[in-house]
């Protein structure tokens, strides 16, 4: 199991090194126009909604387990 975890971590590290060479023109355009903040806000809203849903679901399950 340790070998699999170490291999996975090394693979992730090598992928990130190769990913840094490419310039993404779309991100540069969005950043220059100021629209990247809209994308970030949308992602944060979606993640906050998912986390809120998971916490409410967890509370409901705890109430059912107590019964």
PDB file of N, CA and C in Angstrom:
ATOM      1  N   UNK A   1       0.828  -1.197   0.000  1.00  0.00           N
ATOM      2  CA  UNK A   1       0.000   0.000   0.000  1.00  0.00           C
ATOM      3  C   UNK A   1       0.871   1.259   0.000  1.00  0.00           C
ATOM      4  N   UNK A   2       1.980   1.191   0.738  1.00  0.00           N
ATOM      5  CA  UNK A   2       2.874   2.358   0.779  1.00  0.00           C
ATOM      6  C   UNK A   2       3.448   2.652  -0.601  1.00  0.00           C
ATOM      7  N   UNK A   3       3.765   1.578  -1.342  1.00  0.00           N
ATOM      8  CA  UNK A   3       4.348   1.774  -2.672  1.00  0.00           C
ATOM      9  C   UNK A   3       3.356   2.458  -3.611  1.00  0.00           C
ATOM     10  N   UNK A   4       2.102   2.095  -3.493  1.00  0.00           N
ATOM     11  CA  UNK A   4       1.081   2.700  -4.345  1.00  0.00           C
ATOM     12  C   UNK A   4       0.927   4.180  -4.013  1.00  0.00           C
ATOM     13  N   UNK A   5       0.914   4.507  -2.732  1.00  0.00           N
ATOM     14  CA  UNK A   5       0.772   5.910  -2.311  1.00  0.00           C
ATOM     15  C   UNK A   5       1.968   6.728  -2.765  1.00  0.00           C
ATOM     16  N   UNK A   6       3.161   6.183  -2.601  1.00  0.00           N
ATOM     17  CA  UNK A   6       4.373   6.906  -3.013  1.00  0.00           C
ATOM     18  C   UNK A   6       4.390   7.092  -4.533  1.00  0.00           C
ATOM     19  N   UNK A   7       4.007   6.050  -5.277  1.00  0.00           N
ATOM     20  CA  UNK A   7       3.963   6.163  -6.737  1.00  0.00           C
ATOM     21  C   UNK A   7       2.946   7.209  -7.168  1.00  0.00           C
ATOM     22  N   UNK A   8       1.800   7.239  -6.506  1.00  0.00           N
ATOM     23  CA  UNK A   8       0.774   8.230  -6.830  1.00  0.00           C
ATOM     24  C   UNK A   8       1.273   9.641  -6.555  1.00  0.00           C
ATOM     25  N   UNK A   9       1.920   9.852  -5.424  1.00  0.00           N
ATOM     26  CA  UNK A   9       2.442  11.184  -5.094  1.00  0.00           C
ATOM     27  C   UNK A   9       3.514  11.626  -6.083  1.00  0.00           C
ATOM     28  N   UNK A  10       4.378  10.708  -6.488  1.00  0.00           N
ATOM     29  CA  UNK A  10       5.399  11.050  -7.475  1.00  0.00           C
ATOM     30  C   UNK A  10       4.770  11.361  -8.831  1.00  0.00           C
ATOM     31  N   UNK A  11       3.727  10.628  -9.190  1.00  0.00           N
ATOM     32  CA  UNK A  11       3.040  10.884 -10.450  1.00  0.00           C
ATOM     33  C   UNK A  11       2.387  12.264 -10.439  1.00  0.00           C
ATOM     34  N   UNK A  12       1.730  12.611  -9.320  1.00  0.00           N
ATOM     35  CA  UNK A  12       1.101  13.933  -9.191  1.00  0.00           C
ATOM     36  C   UNK A  12       2.153  15.029  -9.309  1.00  0.00           C
ATOM     37  N   UNK A  13       3.309  14.814  -8.694  1.00  0.00           N
ATOM     38  CA  UNK A  13       4.388  15.796  -8.748  1.00  0.00           C
ATOM     39  C   UNK A  13       4.884  15.982 -10.183  1.00  0.00           C
ATOM     40  N   UNK A  14       5.039  14.891 -10.921  1.00  0.00           N
ATOM     41  CA  UNK A  14       5.530  15.010 -12.296  1.00  0.00           C
ATOM     42  C   UNK A  14       4.490  15.660 -13.205  1.00  0.00           C
ATOM     43  N   UNK A  15       3.217  15.394 -12.972  1.00  0.00           N
ATOM     44  CA  UNK A  15       2.162  16.023 -13.769  1.00  0.00           C
ATOM     45  C   UNK A  15       2.163  17.528 -13.547  1.00  0.00           C
ATOM     46  N   UNK A  16       2.338  17.949 -12.306  1.00  0.00           N
ATOM     47  CA  UNK A  16       2.332  19.381 -12.031  1.00  0.00           C
ATOM     48  C   UNK A  16       3.524  20.087 -12.667  1.00  0.00           C
ATOM     49  N   UNK A  17       4.649  19.401 -12.781  1.00  0.00           N
ATOM     50  CA  UNK A  17       5.826  20.002 -13.420  1.00  0.00           C
ATOM     51  C   UNK A  17       5.559  20.215 -14.907  1.00  0.00           C
ATOM     52  N   UNK A  18       4.957  19.230 -15.572  1.00  0.00           N
ATOM     53  CA  UNK A  18       4.667  19.377 -16.995  1.00  0.00           C
ATOM     54  C   UNK A  18       3.560  20.392 -17.246  1.00  0.00           C
ATOM     55  N   UNK A  19       2.666  20.543 -16.318  1.00  0.00           N
ATOM     56  CA  UNK A  19       1.544  21.461 -16.506  1.00  0.00           C
ATOM     57  C   UNK A  19       1.982  22.918 -16.429  1.00  0.00           C
ATOM     58  N   UNK A  20       3.124  23.189 -15.834  1.00  0.00           N
ATOM     59  CA  UNK A  20       3.553  24.568 -15.663  1.00  0.00           C
ATOM     60  C   UNK A  20       4.131  25.169 -16.940  1.00  0.00           C
ATOM     61  N   UNK A  21       4.460  24.350 -17.919  1.00  0.00           N
ATOM     62  CA  UNK A  21       5.050  24.868 -19.149  1.00  0.00           C
ATOM     63  C   UNK A  21       4.024  25.526 -20.063  1.00  0.00           C
ATOM     64  N   UNK A  22       2.795  25.106 -19.993  1.00  0.00           N
ATOM     65  CA  UNK A  22       1.775  25.600 -20.919  1.00  0.00           C
ATOM     66  C   UNK A  22       1.149  26.887 -20.411  1.00  0.00           C
ATOM     67  N   UNK A  23       0.979  27.832 -21.326  1.00  0.00           N
ATOM     68  CA  UNK A  23       0.273  29.074 -21.012  1.00  0.00           C
ATOM     69  C   UNK A  23      -1.144  28.933 -21.533  1.00  0.00           C
ATOM     70  N   UNK A  24      -2.118  29.191 -20.708  1.00  0.00           N
ATOM     71  CA  UNK A  24      -3.511  29.085 -21.114  1.00  0.00           C
ATOM     72  C   UNK A  24      -3.993  30.484 -21.483  1.00  0.00           C
ATOM     73  N   UNK A  25      -4.287  30.652 -22.757  1.00  0.00           N
ATOM     74  CA  UNK A  25      -4.669  31.970 -23.250  1.00  0.00           C
ATOM     75  C   UNK A  25      -6.023  32.413 -22.696  1.00  0.00           C
ATOM     76  N   UNK A  26      -6.932  31.446 -22.509  1.00  0.00           N
ATOM     77  CA  UNK A  26      -8.255  31.799 -22.011  1.00  0.00           C
ATOM     78  C   UNK A  26      -8.151  32.397 -20.609  1.00  0.00           C
ATOM     79  N   UNK A  27      -7.329  31.800 -19.754  1.00  0.00           N
ATOM     80  CA  UNK A  27      -7.177  32.321 -18.400  1.00  0.00           C
ATOM     81  C   UNK A  27      -6.544  33.707 -18.419  1.00  0.00           C
ATOM     82  N   UNK A  28      -5.596  33.911 -19.312  1.00  0.00           N
ATOM     83  CA  UNK A  28      -4.970  35.234 -19.421  1.00  0.00           C
ATOM     84  C   UNK A  28      -5.985  36.274 -19.882  1.00  0.00           C
ATOM     85  N   UNK A  29      -6.834  35.898 -20.826  1.00  0.00           N
ATOM     86  CA  UNK A  29      -7.857  36.825 -21.318  1.00  0.00           C
ATOM     87  C   UNK A  29      -8.856  37.155 -20.227  1.00  0.00           C
ATOM     88  N   UNK A  30      -9.311  36.107 -19.505  1.00  0.00           N
ATOM     89  CA  UNK A  30     -10.268  36.346 -18.423  1.00  0.00           C
ATOM     90  C   UNK A  30      -9.655  37.219 -17.333  1.00  0.00           C
ATOM     91  N   UNK A  31      -8.381  36.988 -17.037  1.00  0.00           N
ATOM     92  CA  UNK A  31      -7.710  37.770 -15.998  1.00  0.00           C
ATOM     93  C   UNK A  31      -7.554  39.222 -16.439  1.00  0.00           C
ATOM     94  N   UNK A  32      -7.230  39.436 -17.693  1.00  0.00           N
ATOM     95  CA  UNK A  32      -7.036  40.811 -18.165  1.00  0.00           C
ATOM     96  C   UNK A  32      -8.356  41.573 -18.219  1.00  0.00           C
ATOM     97  N   UNK A  33      -9.460  40.875 -18.482  1.00  0.00           N
ATOM     98  CA  UNK A  33     -10.767  41.526 -18.523  1.00  0.00           C
ATOM     99  C   UNK A  33     -11.423  41.627 -17.159  1.00  0.00           C
ATOM    100  N   UNK A  34     -10.855  40.974 -16.165  1.00  0.00           N
ATOM    101  CA  UNK A  34     -11.431  41.000 -14.828  1.00  0.00           C
ATOM    102  C   UNK A  34     -12.548  39.984 -14.633  1.00  0.00           C
ATOM    103  N   UNK A  35     -12.768  39.126 -15.618  1.00  0.00           N
ATOM    104  CA  UNK A  35     -13.852  38.149 -15.521  1.00  0.00           C
ATOM    105  C   UNK A  35     -13.448  36.904 -14.744  1.00  0.00           C
ATOM    106  N   UNK A  36     -12.172  36.751 -14.453  1.00  0.00           N
ATOM    107  CA  UNK A  36     -11.716  35.591 -13.697  1.00  0.00           C
ATOM    108  C   UNK A  36     -12.344  35.587 -12.305  1.00  0.00           C
ATOM    109  N   UNK A  37     -12.637  36.770 -11.797  1.00  0.00           N
ATOM    110  CA  UNK A  37     -13.257  36.862 -10.465  1.00  0.00           C
ATOM    111  C   UNK A  37     -14.685  36.314 -10.488  1.00  0.00           C
ATOM    112  N   UNK A  38     -15.361  36.469 -11.608  1.00  0.00           N
ATOM    113  CA  UNK A  38     -16.703  35.907 -11.745  1.00  0.00           C
ATOM    114  C   UNK A  38     -16.631  34.389 -11.705  1.00  0.00           C
ATOM    115  N   UNK A  39     -15.646  33.817 -12.368  1.00  0.00           N
ATOM    116  CA  UNK A  39     -15.455  32.372 -12.370  1.00  0.00           C
ATOM    117  C   UNK A  39     -15.146  31.884 -10.966  1.00  0.00           C
ATOM    118  N   UNK A  40     -14.271  32.579 -10.273  1.00  0.00           N
ATOM    119  CA  UNK A  40     -13.896  32.185  -8.909  1.00  0.00           C
ATOM    120  C   UNK A  40     -15.107  32.278  -7.982  1.00  0.00           C
ATOM    121  N   UNK A  41     -15.899  33.321  -8.106  1.00  0.00           N
ATOM    122  CA  UNK A  41     -17.087  33.477  -7.262  1.00  0.00           C
ATOM    123  C   UNK A  41     -18.086  32.358  -7.529  1.00  0.00           C
ATOM    124  N   UNK A  42     -18.270  31.990  -8.789  1.00  0.00           N
ATOM    125  CA  UNK A  42     -19.183  30.891  -9.119  1.00  0.00           C
ATOM    126  C   UNK A  42     -18.713  29.581  -8.514  1.00  0.00           C
ATOM    127  N   UNK A  43     -17.435  29.316  -8.590  1.00  0.00           N
ATOM    128  CA  UNK A  43     -16.888  28.087  -8.006  1.00  0.00           C
ATOM    129  C   UNK A  43     -17.060  28.085  -6.501  1.00  0.00           C
ATOM    130  N   UNK A  44     -16.819  29.219  -5.859  1.00  0.00           N
ATOM    131  CA  UNK A  44     -16.976  29.306  -4.399  1.00  0.00           C
ATOM    132  C   UNK A  44     -18.430  29.103  -4.002  1.00  0.00           C
ATOM    133  N   UNK A  45     -19.353  29.660  -4.762  1.00  0.00           N
ATOM    134  CA  UNK A  45     -20.783  29.497  -4.454  1.00  0.00           C
ATOM    135  C   UNK A  45     -21.196  28.030  -4.584  1.00  0.00           C
ATOM    136  N   UNK A  46     -20.733  27.381  -5.631  1.00  0.00           N
ATOM    137  CA  UNK A  46     -21.069  25.972  -5.828  1.00  0.00           C
ATOM    138  C   UNK A  46     -20.500  25.125  -4.697  1.00  0.00           C
ATOM    139  N   UNK A  47     -19.249  25.348  -4.336  1.00  0.00           N
ATOM    140  CA  UNK A  47     -18.639  24.577  -3.248  1.00  0.00           C
ATOM    141  C   UNK A  47     -19.308  24.848  -1.910  1.00  0.00           C
ATOM    142  N   UNK A  48     -19.683  26.097  -1.660  1.00  0.00           N
ATOM    143  CA  UNK A  48     -20.372  26.426  -0.407  1.00  0.00           C
ATOM    144  C   UNK A  48     -21.729  25.734  -0.353  1.00  0.00           C
ATOM    145  N   UNK A  49     -22.432  25.690  -1.473  1.00  0.00           N
ATOM    146  CA  UNK A  49     -23.709  24.995  -1.528  1.00  0.00           C
ATOM    147  C   UNK A  49     -23.561  23.509  -1.262  1.00  0.00           C
ATOM    148  N   UNK A  50     -22.544  22.899  -1.872  1.00  0.00           N
ATOM    149  CA  UNK A  50     -22.302  21.478  -1.635  1.00  0.00           C
ATOM    150  C   UNK A  50     -21.948  21.198  -0.181  1.00  0.00           C
ATOM    151  N   UNK A  51     -21.102  22.031   0.394  1.00  0.00           N
ATOM    152  CA  UNK A  51     -20.725  21.827   1.799  1.00  0.00           C
ATOM    153  C   UNK A  51     -21.918  22.033   2.724  1.00  0.00           C
ATOM    154  N   UNK A  52     -22.734  23.036   2.441  1.00  0.00           N
ATOM    155  CA  UNK A  52     -23.937  23.258   3.250  1.00  0.00           C
ATOM    156  C   UNK A  52     -24.879  22.080   3.171  1.00  0.00           C
ATOM    157  N   UNK A  53     -25.047  21.538   1.983  1.00  0.00           N
ATOM    158  CA  UNK A  53     -25.906  20.375   1.813  1.00  0.00           C
ATOM    159  C   UNK A  53     -25.366  19.170   2.584  1.00  0.00           C
ATOM    160  N   UNK A  54     -24.062  18.952   2.509  1.00  0.00           N
ATOM    161  CA  UNK A  54     -23.462  17.818   3.217  1.00  0.00           C
ATOM    162  C   UNK A  54     -23.589  17.963   4.727  1.00  0.00           C
ATOM    163  N   UNK A  55     -23.403  19.163   5.252  1.00  0.00           N
ATOM    164  CA  UNK A  55     -23.535  19.364   6.698  1.00  0.00           C
ATOM    165  C   UNK A  55     -24.980  19.168   7.149  1.00  0.00           C
ATOM    166  N   UNK A  56     -25.932  19.656   6.350  1.00  0.00           N
ATOM    167  CA  UNK A  56     -27.337  19.468   6.733  1.00  0.00           C
ATOM    168  C   UNK A  56     -27.718  17.987   6.654  1.00  0.00           C
ATOM    169  N   UNK A  57     -27.205  17.290   5.667  1.00  0.00           N
ATOM    170  CA  UNK A  57     -27.460  15.860   5.542  1.00  0.00           C
ATOM    171  C   UNK A  57     -26.854  15.099   6.712  1.00  0.00           C
ATOM    172  N   UNK A  58     -25.679  15.506   7.142  1.00  0.00           N
ATOM    173  CA  UNK A  58     -25.028  14.872   8.282  1.00  0.00           C
ATOM    174  C   UNK A  58     -25.842  15.079   9.556  1.00  0.00           C
ATOM    175  N   UNK A  59     -26.359  16.286   9.759  1.00  0.00           N
ATOM    176  CA  UNK A  59     -27.197  16.547  10.937  1.00  0.00           C
ATOM    177  C   UNK A  59     -28.453  15.695  10.931  1.00  0.00           C
ATOM    178  N   UNK A  60     -29.083  15.560   9.772  1.00  0.00           N
ATOM    179  CA  UNK A  60     -30.288  14.737   9.667  1.00  0.00           C
ATOM    180  C   UNK A  60     -29.991  13.277   9.986  1.00  0.00           C
ATOM    181  N   UNK A  61     -28.853  12.792   9.488  1.00  0.00           N
ATOM    182  CA  UNK A  61     -28.489  11.402   9.752  1.00  0.00           C
ATOM    183  C   UNK A  61     -28.199  11.176  11.236  1.00  0.00           C
ATOM    184  N   UNK A  62     -27.562  12.141  11.865  1.00  0.00           N
ATOM    185  CA  UNK A  62     -27.294  11.997  13.311  1.00  0.00           C
ATOM    186  C   UNK A  62     -28.595  11.948  14.102  1.00  0.00           C
ATOM    187  N   UNK A  63     -29.595  12.754  13.703  1.00  0.00           N
ATOM    188  CA  UNK A  63     -30.888  12.727  14.380  1.00  0.00           C
ATOM    189  C   UNK A  63     -31.564  11.371  14.202  1.00  0.00           C
ATOM    190  N   UNK A  64     -31.480  10.826  12.999  1.00  0.00           N
ATOM    191  CA  UNK A  64     -32.073   9.503  12.752  1.00  0.00           C
ATOM    192  C   UNK A  64     -31.363   8.398  13.511  1.00  0.00           C
ATOM    193  N   UNK A  65     -30.041   8.512  13.637  1.00  0.00           N
ATOM    194  CA  UNK A  65     -29.276   7.498  14.375  1.00  0.00           C
ATOM    195  C   UNK A  65     -29.631   7.538  15.867  1.00  0.00           C
ATOM    196  N   UNK A  66     -29.886   8.722  16.384  1.00  0.00           N
ATOM    197  CA  UNK A  66     -30.230   8.835  17.810  1.00  0.00           C
ATOM    198  C   UNK A  66     -31.590   8.199  18.103  1.00  0.00           C
ATOM    199  N   UNK A  67     -32.517   8.298  17.138  1.00  0.00           N
ATOM    200  CA  UNK A  67     -33.839   7.706  17.315  1.00  0.00           C
ATOM    201  C   UNK A  67     -33.700   6.189  17.285  1.00  0.00           C
TER     202      UNK A  67
END
